[in-house]
Amino acid sequence: MDIPLCQSEHKPQLLLNDPAAISLYHTAPEKFAGALAPNAELCDAWAEELAPLPVGLALECPPEPDAEHCERPITMHYIEQCKEVFRPVLHDDAAFYYLHGAPTFPALRAAVLALGDLCGRTVIAELHVEDDEGHLPDGTDVRAAIGVLQRIGVTTVLISAHDPESLTQALEIAAPYARLSLGVCMHADWLSQTTLYNTEVIMPDITEAFVAALRGNQVACKTLPRDHDDFICAPDGKHAHFIAPTIDISDEIECGPHLDEDLIEAEDDSGAFKLLLETEEDVVTLEESRYMISRPLCLCAESADLLEQGLRVFPGLALYDGTWEQEDAVISYFETKYGMIRL
């Protein structure tokens, strides 16, 4: 699904998600970017009726597993759980998949990885903001979430909120940092109350008045310049960090029983933590201690397989500084699959 990055002359398009709006599509096809079918059967029917409009399928993320009764690492278990849920509903003719309903941001990231393991289709992800400061329900900064998603294969993020003000604020916060297409999920009657910064896709309750507003350029869409290209966005999974390639990285920190204390001790002296993975148990420790990681994280391991396990469970974007040098093809794969940042 090809959605161009927002330009000053660009006007947002609609994502059709209601059979009742099909007649509106035929009256103004240029106002629609795609269609979201509720099931595979309708995906085929809509693809035929709405051609050449791209038609995709919605995939709801499953609940996270019970941490007390789950095999560690929990993230690995959840990725497999997502595959089990997604595999039966994937459809060969779907132009894209729309991931929604993730209970936390780490869960959404894991669902993206699971879908990437299963297929190579375009992925659109929904982020729900909980307040007017751009935080998701689990406290994740919307900039951190977008920073991760745009490096692991997500092409478009649609932001939803409880109220127009929170939606406007989230877009204003995220727009200068986003290097993917931004969209919104919103009620049609929010149009007059929401400023759509850099918004390219709208999934609303589509009405004739909504389409007329787009036709008449009555939608309040403003462009904010994409900024901060001089820095690297290296989220820790919850907070956005913007670093220089020459960032000061700590000495190797072992994933031992005193990891939490070691991370606290290293905070004052380093711009980034370097974590050494030597065993699979270290990967479990990394997952359990991820909330203690308040800096960009550099991962290193002698084994490429072990490094990949660490990349799968760490919800942010890990740095790679060449410690325990890996083959270039392996690092390139990790950059593409997990968004790893090669310094």
Protein backbone atom coordinates (compact mmCIF):
# COMPACT_ATOMS: atom_id res chain seq x y z
CA MET A 1 0.00 0.00 0.00
CA ASP A 2 1.80 3.09 -1.23
CA ILE A 3 1.06 6.15 0.89
CA PRO A 4 3.40 9.09 0.22
CA LEU A 5 5.03 11.00 3.04
CA CYS A 6 3.05 14.14 3.74
CA GLN A 7 3.89 17.17 1.63
CA SER A 8 2.61 20.71 2.07
CA GLU A 9 0.16 20.35 -0.82
CA HIS A 10 -1.01 16.92 0.27
CA LYS A 11 -4.56 16.39 1.51
CA PRO A 12 -5.49 13.42 3.71
CA GLN A 13 -7.32 10.45 2.26
CA LEU A 14 -9.83 8.09 3.84
CA LEU A 15 -9.44 4.44 4.80
CA LEU A 16 -12.78 2.84 4.02
CA ASN A 17 -13.86 0.43 6.78
CA ASP A 18 -17.65 0.33 6.50
CA PRO A 19 -19.74 -1.28 3.71
CA ALA A 20 -22.11 1.68 3.99
CA ALA A 21 -19.37 3.95 2.67
CA ILE A 22 -18.78 2.01 -0.55
CA SER A 23 -21.28 4.16 -2.43
CA LEU A 24 -19.35 7.26 -1.29
CA TYR A 25 -16.16 5.76 -2.69
CA HIS A 26 -17.71 5.54 -6.12
CA THR A 27 -18.62 9.24 -5.97
CA ALA A 28 -15.11 10.38 -4.95
CA PRO A 29 -12.54 7.58 -5.42
CA GLU A 30 -9.63 10.05 -5.27
CA LYS A 31 -10.45 10.74 -1.61
CA PHE A 32 -9.71 7.16 -0.53
CA ALA A 33 -6.29 5.62 0.19
CA GLY A 34 -7.50 2.06 0.78
CA ALA A 35 -10.15 -0.15 2.34
CA LEU A 36 -10.08 -2.31 5.45
CA ALA A 37 -12.21 -5.44 5.11
CA PRO A 38 -13.53 -7.22 8.23
CA ASN A 39 -12.73 -10.73 6.91
CA ALA A 40 -11.06 -12.60 4.07
CA GLU A 41 -14.33 -13.25 2.22
CA LEU A 42 -15.18 -9.56 2.05
CA CYS A 43 -11.57 -8.78 1.24
CA ASP A 44 -11.99 -10.59 -2.07
CA ALA A 45 -15.40 -9.07 -2.76
CA TRP A 46 -14.25 -5.54 -1.97
CA ALA A 47 -11.04 -5.93 -3.98
CA GLU A 48 -13.16 -6.74 -7.02
CA GLU A 49 -15.75 -4.04 -6.42
CA LEU A 50 -13.33 -1.28 -5.41
CA ALA A 51 -10.46 -2.00 -7.83
CA PRO A 52 -7.85 -0.57 -8.06
CA LEU A 53 -8.19 0.50 -4.39
CA PRO A 54 -5.88 -1.53 -2.08
CA VAL A 55 -7.92 -3.71 0.29
CA GLY A 56 -6.43 -5.06 3.51
CA LEU A 57 -7.41 -7.02 6.61
CA ALA A 58 -7.51 -6.07 10.28
CA LEU A 59 -5.63 -8.28 12.74
CA GLU A 60 -6.40 -7.91 16.44
CA CYS A 61 -3.45 -8.56 18.74
CA PRO A 62 -4.11 -11.27 21.35
CA PRO A 63 -3.93 -10.59 25.11
CA GLU A 64 -0.50 -10.84 26.66
CA PRO A 65 0.21 -14.16 28.42
CA ASP A 66 0.05 -14.49 32.18
CA ALA A 67 3.59 -13.75 33.33
CA GLU A 68 3.29 -16.11 36.31
CA HIS A 69 2.44 -19.13 34.18
CA CYS A 70 4.46 -18.50 31.05
CA GLU A 71 7.70 -19.83 29.72
CA ARG A 72 10.51 -17.28 29.62
CA PRO A 73 11.32 -15.13 27.72
CA ILE A 74 7.69 -13.98 27.69
CA THR A 75 8.22 -11.98 24.48
CA MET A 76 9.24 -15.13 22.58
CA HIS A 77 6.13 -16.89 23.85
CA TYR A 78 3.93 -13.97 22.81
CA ILE A 79 5.43 -13.85 19.32
CA GLU A 80 4.53 -17.51 18.84
CA GLN A 81 1.08 -16.85 20.26
CA CYS A 82 0.57 -14.05 17.72
CA LYS A 83 1.60 -16.37 14.91
CA GLU A 84 -0.97 -18.95 16.02
CA VAL A 85 -3.69 -16.28 16.05
CA PHE A 86 -2.69 -14.58 12.79
CA ARG A 87 -1.82 -17.60 10.63
CA PRO A 88 -5.41 -18.88 10.07
CA VAL A 89 -6.72 -15.45 9.04
CA LEU A 90 -3.93 -14.33 6.71
CA HIS A 91 -5.13 -13.94 3.15
CA ASP A 92 -3.03 -14.17 -0.01
CA ASP A 93 -4.89 -11.33 -1.70
CA ALA A 94 -4.79 -8.87 1.21
CA ALA A 95 -2.85 -5.76 0.13
CA PHE A 96 -1.90 -4.91 3.71
CA TYR A 97 -2.57 -5.83 7.35
CA TYR A 98 -3.80 -3.49 10.05
CA LEU A 99 -2.60 -4.37 13.55
CA HIS A 100 -4.70 -3.06 16.43
CA GLY A 101 -5.75 -3.81 19.99
CA ALA A 102 -2.28 -4.42 21.43
CA PRO A 103 -2.42 -4.24 25.26
CA THR A 104 1.05 -2.61 25.49
CA PHE A 105 3.63 -1.21 23.12
CA PRO A 106 6.04 -4.16 23.61
CA ALA A 107 3.13 -6.42 22.64
CA LEU A 108 2.50 -4.41 19.46
CA ARG A 109 6.17 -4.60 18.53
CA ALA A 110 6.15 -8.37 19.12
CA ALA A 111 3.04 -8.66 16.92
CA VAL A 112 4.84 -6.77 14.13
CA LEU A 113 7.78 -9.19 14.41
CA ALA A 114 5.41 -12.17 14.33
CA LEU A 115 3.68 -10.86 11.22
CA GLY A 116 7.06 -10.23 9.61
CA ASP A 117 8.02 -13.84 10.30
CA LEU A 118 4.83 -15.01 8.55
CA CYS A 119 4.66 -12.76 5.51
CA GLY A 120 6.13 -9.71 3.83
CA ARG A 121 3.00 -7.61 3.42
CA THR A 122 2.62 -3.92 4.19
CA VAL A 123 1.87 -3.32 7.87
CA ILE A 124 -0.23 -0.50 9.31
CA ALA A 125 -0.29 -0.23 13.12
CA GLU A 126 -2.65 1.57 15.47
CA LEU A 127 -1.35 3.50 18.48
CA HIS A 128 -3.82 4.70 21.12
CA VAL A 129 -2.77 7.74 23.15
CA GLU A 130 -4.10 8.06 26.68
CA ASP A 131 -3.40 11.73 27.51
CA ASP A 132 -2.61 15.11 25.97
CA GLU A 133 1.15 14.55 26.36
CA GLY A 134 1.41 11.80 23.76
CA HIS A 135 1.65 8.79 26.07
CA LEU A 136 0.24 5.36 25.31
CA PRO A 137 -1.70 3.58 28.10
CA ASP A 138 1.49 1.86 29.32
CA GLY A 139 3.32 5.21 29.49
CA THR A 140 5.28 4.80 26.25
CA ASP A 141 6.12 8.07 24.50
CA VAL A 142 4.43 8.15 21.08
CA ARG A 143 7.76 9.33 19.57
CA ALA A 144 9.51 6.26 21.00
CA ALA A 145 6.81 3.97 19.63
CA ILE A 146 6.96 5.49 16.15
CA GLY A 147 10.77 5.52 16.26
CA VAL A 148 10.77 1.75 16.75
CA LEU A 149 7.93 0.86 14.38
CA GLN A 150 9.31 2.81 11.42
CA ARG A 151 12.54 0.79 11.56
CA ILE A 152 10.94 -2.67 11.76
CA GLY A 153 8.74 -2.59 8.69
CA VAL A 154 5.65 -0.59 9.65
CA THR A 155 4.81 1.86 6.86
CA THR A 156 1.92 3.77 8.44
CA VAL A 157 0.81 4.50 12.00
CA LEU A 158 -2.78 5.49 12.77
CA ILE A 159 -3.19 7.31 16.08
CA SER A 160 -6.41 7.15 18.10
CA ALA A 161 -7.41 8.96 21.29
CA HIS A 162 -10.30 9.53 23.69
CA ASP A 163 -10.73 13.18 22.68
CA PRO A 164 -9.77 15.60 19.87
CA GLU A 165 -7.29 17.57 21.99
CA SER A 166 -5.23 14.48 22.85
CA LEU A 167 -5.23 13.46 19.21
CA THR A 168 -4.04 16.89 18.06
CA GLN A 169 -1.30 16.96 20.71
CA ALA A 170 -0.07 13.47 19.80
CA LEU A 171 0.20 14.42 16.13
CA GLU A 172 2.00 17.67 16.94
CA ILE A 173 4.48 15.80 19.17
CA ALA A 174 5.11 12.97 16.70
CA ALA A 175 5.07 14.74 13.33
CA PRO A 176 8.59 16.26 13.36
CA TYR A 177 10.14 12.87 14.22
CA ALA A 178 8.06 10.51 12.08
CA ARG A 179 9.68 9.06 8.98
CA LEU A 180 6.60 7.02 8.07
CA SER A 181 3.07 7.99 7.08
CA LEU A 182 0.85 9.30 9.88
CA GLY A 183 -2.88 8.73 10.10
CA VAL A 184 -5.71 8.98 12.60
CA CYS A 185 -8.72 7.01 13.79
CA MET A 186 -11.38 9.55 14.70
CA HIS A 187 -15.06 10.34 14.83
CA ALA A 188 -16.40 12.33 11.89
CA ASP A 189 -17.71 15.05 14.21
CA TRP A 190 -14.14 15.68 15.49
CA LEU A 191 -13.13 17.34 12.21
CA SER A 192 -13.82 20.86 13.44
CA GLN A 193 -11.98 20.20 16.73
CA THR A 194 -8.81 18.47 15.55
CA THR A 195 -5.74 19.83 13.79
CA LEU A 196 -4.34 17.07 11.62
CA TYR A 197 -0.58 17.62 11.60
CA ASN A 198 1.10 15.75 8.70
CA THR A 199 -1.91 13.46 8.50
CA GLU A 200 -2.18 11.41 5.32
CA VAL A 201 -4.82 8.82 6.22
CA ILE A 202 -8.06 9.13 8.17
CA MET A 203 -10.15 6.18 9.34
CA PRO A 204 -13.40 7.82 10.49
CA ASP A 205 -17.09 7.11 10.69
CA ILE A 206 -17.30 7.96 6.99
CA THR A 207 -20.26 10.15 6.13
CA GLU A 208 -21.29 12.16 3.10
CA ALA A 209 -20.46 15.33 5.04
CA PHE A 210 -16.98 14.00 5.75
CA VAL A 211 -16.29 13.34 2.07
CA ALA A 212 -17.72 16.76 1.19
CA ALA A 213 -15.39 18.38 3.74
CA LEU A 214 -12.40 16.71 2.10
CA ARG A 215 -13.59 17.77 -1.33
CA GLY A 216 -13.97 21.36 -0.17
CA ASN A 217 -10.57 21.39 1.59
CA GLN A 218 -12.34 22.10 4.88
CA VAL A 219 -10.20 19.69 6.88
CA ALA A 220 -7.72 21.43 9.21
CA CYS A 221 -4.53 19.72 8.02
CA LYS A 222 -1.21 21.44 8.72
CA THR A 223 2.32 20.44 7.81
CA LEU A 224 5.12 20.45 10.35
CA PRO A 225 8.65 20.08 8.93
CA ARG A 226 10.35 16.78 9.59
CA ASP A 227 13.23 17.66 11.85
CA HIS A 228 16.05 16.21 13.95
CA ASP A 229 17.85 14.42 11.10
CA ASP A 230 21.15 15.35 12.74
CA PHE A 231 20.43 12.92 15.58
CA ILE A 232 19.70 9.21 15.84
CA CYS A 233 16.43 8.17 17.46
CA ALA A 234 17.34 5.31 19.82
CA PRO A 235 14.30 4.56 22.04
CA ASP A 236 14.72 2.31 25.06
CA GLY A 237 11.26 0.92 24.34
CA LYS A 238 9.38 3.48 26.43
CA HIS A 239 11.26 6.78 26.17
CA ALA A 240 12.61 8.51 23.08
CA HIS A 241 16.35 9.23 23.10
CA PHE A 242 18.10 11.32 20.45
CA ILE A 243 21.80 10.62 20.25
CA ALA A 244 24.90 11.40 18.20
CA PRO A 245 26.88 8.59 16.52
CA THR A 246 29.75 9.38 18.90
CA ILE A 247 27.70 8.72 22.04
CA ASP A 248 29.68 7.59 25.08
CA ILE A 249 28.91 3.92 25.75
CA SER A 250 29.59 2.23 29.08
CA ASP A 251 31.92 -0.69 29.63
CA GLU A 252 30.34 -4.12 29.24
CA ILE A 253 27.69 -4.83 31.88
CA GLU A 254 27.00 -8.48 32.61
CA CYS A 255 23.42 -9.69 32.96
CA GLY A 256 24.08 -11.06 36.42
CA PRO A 257 22.14 -11.00 39.70
CA HIS A 258 23.21 -7.39 40.31
CA LEU A 259 22.17 -6.01 36.91
CA ASP A 260 19.76 -3.45 38.34
CA GLU A 261 22.43 -2.02 40.63
CA ASP A 262 25.00 -2.01 37.82
CA LEU A 263 22.63 -0.07 35.55
CA ILE A 264 22.02 2.54 38.24
CA GLU A 265 25.76 2.87 38.85
CA ALA A 266 26.45 3.35 35.13
CA GLU A 267 23.82 6.08 34.68
CA ASP A 268 26.04 9.00 35.70
CA ASP A 269 29.01 8.08 33.54
CA SER A 270 27.50 6.90 30.24
CA GLY A 271 25.17 8.09 27.54
CA ALA A 272 24.33 4.48 26.66
CA PHE A 273 24.54 1.11 28.40
CA LYS A 274 26.42 -1.81 26.85
CA LEU A 275 24.88 -5.11 27.88
CA LEU A 276 26.74 -8.38 27.40
CA LEU A 277 24.71 -11.50 26.55
CA GLU A 278 26.56 -14.74 27.30
CA THR A 279 23.75 -17.25 27.93
CA GLU A 280 20.05 -17.66 27.19
CA GLU A 281 19.38 -16.87 30.84
CA ASP A 282 20.88 -13.43 30.17
CA VAL A 283 18.12 -12.84 27.61
CA VAL A 284 15.53 -13.60 30.30
CA THR A 285 17.30 -11.19 32.66
CA LEU A 286 17.30 -8.51 29.95
CA GLU A 287 13.55 -8.89 29.49
CA GLU A 288 12.84 -8.80 33.22
CA SER A 289 15.07 -5.74 33.77
CA ARG A 290 14.04 -3.73 30.71
CA TYR A 291 12.14 -1.21 32.85
CA MET A 292 15.42 -0.35 34.58
CA ILE A 293 17.01 0.65 31.28
CA SER A 294 16.88 4.44 31.18
CA ARG A 295 19.48 4.99 28.45
CA PRO A 296 19.93 3.84 24.87
CA LEU A 297 21.08 0.22 24.94
CA CYS A 298 24.04 -1.32 23.11
CA LEU A 299 23.79 -5.12 22.90
CA CYS A 300 26.78 -7.37 22.33
CA ALA A 301 27.22 -11.13 22.19
CA GLU A 302 29.77 -13.51 20.71
CA SER A 303 26.95 -15.65 19.33
CA ALA A 304 24.80 -14.15 16.55
CA ASP A 305 21.89 -16.38 17.64
CA LEU A 306 22.11 -15.06 21.19
CA LEU A 307 22.30 -11.48 19.92
CA GLU A 308 19.14 -12.08 17.88
CA GLN A 309 17.33 -13.40 20.95
CA GLY A 310 18.24 -10.20 22.76
CA LEU A 311 17.00 -8.12 19.84
CA ARG A 312 13.68 -9.97 19.84
CA VAL A 313 12.94 -9.33 23.51
CA PHE A 314 14.26 -5.75 23.79
CA PRO A 315 11.33 -3.45 22.86
CA GLY A 316 13.52 -0.51 21.83
CA LEU A 317 16.18 -0.02 19.16
CA ALA A 318 19.49 -1.57 20.19
CA LEU A 319 22.84 -0.06 19.22
CA TYR A 320 25.70 -2.07 17.73
CA ASP A 321 29.24 -0.74 18.12
CA GLY A 322 31.21 -3.66 16.65
CA THR A 323 31.96 -5.47 19.92
CA TRP A 324 32.11 -9.21 19.18
CA GLU A 325 32.19 -8.48 15.46
CA GLN A 326 29.50 -10.27 13.45
CA GLU A 327 29.32 -10.90 9.71
CA ASP A 328 28.13 -7.89 7.72
CA ALA A 329 25.20 -9.83 6.24
CA VAL A 330 24.04 -10.76 9.76
CA ILE A 331 24.20 -7.16 10.97
CA SER A 332 22.35 -5.97 7.86
CA TYR A 333 19.61 -8.51 8.59
CA PHE A 334 19.37 -7.33 12.20
CA GLU A 335 19.11 -3.72 11.00
CA THR A 336 16.21 -4.59 8.70
CA LYS A 337 14.38 -7.02 10.98
CA TYR A 338 14.84 -5.39 14.40
CA GLY A 339 15.87 -1.84 13.55
CA MET A 340 19.29 -2.30 15.14
CA ILE A 341 21.40 0.84 14.82
CA ARG A 342 24.93 0.29 13.56
CA LEU A 343 27.21 3.04 14.89
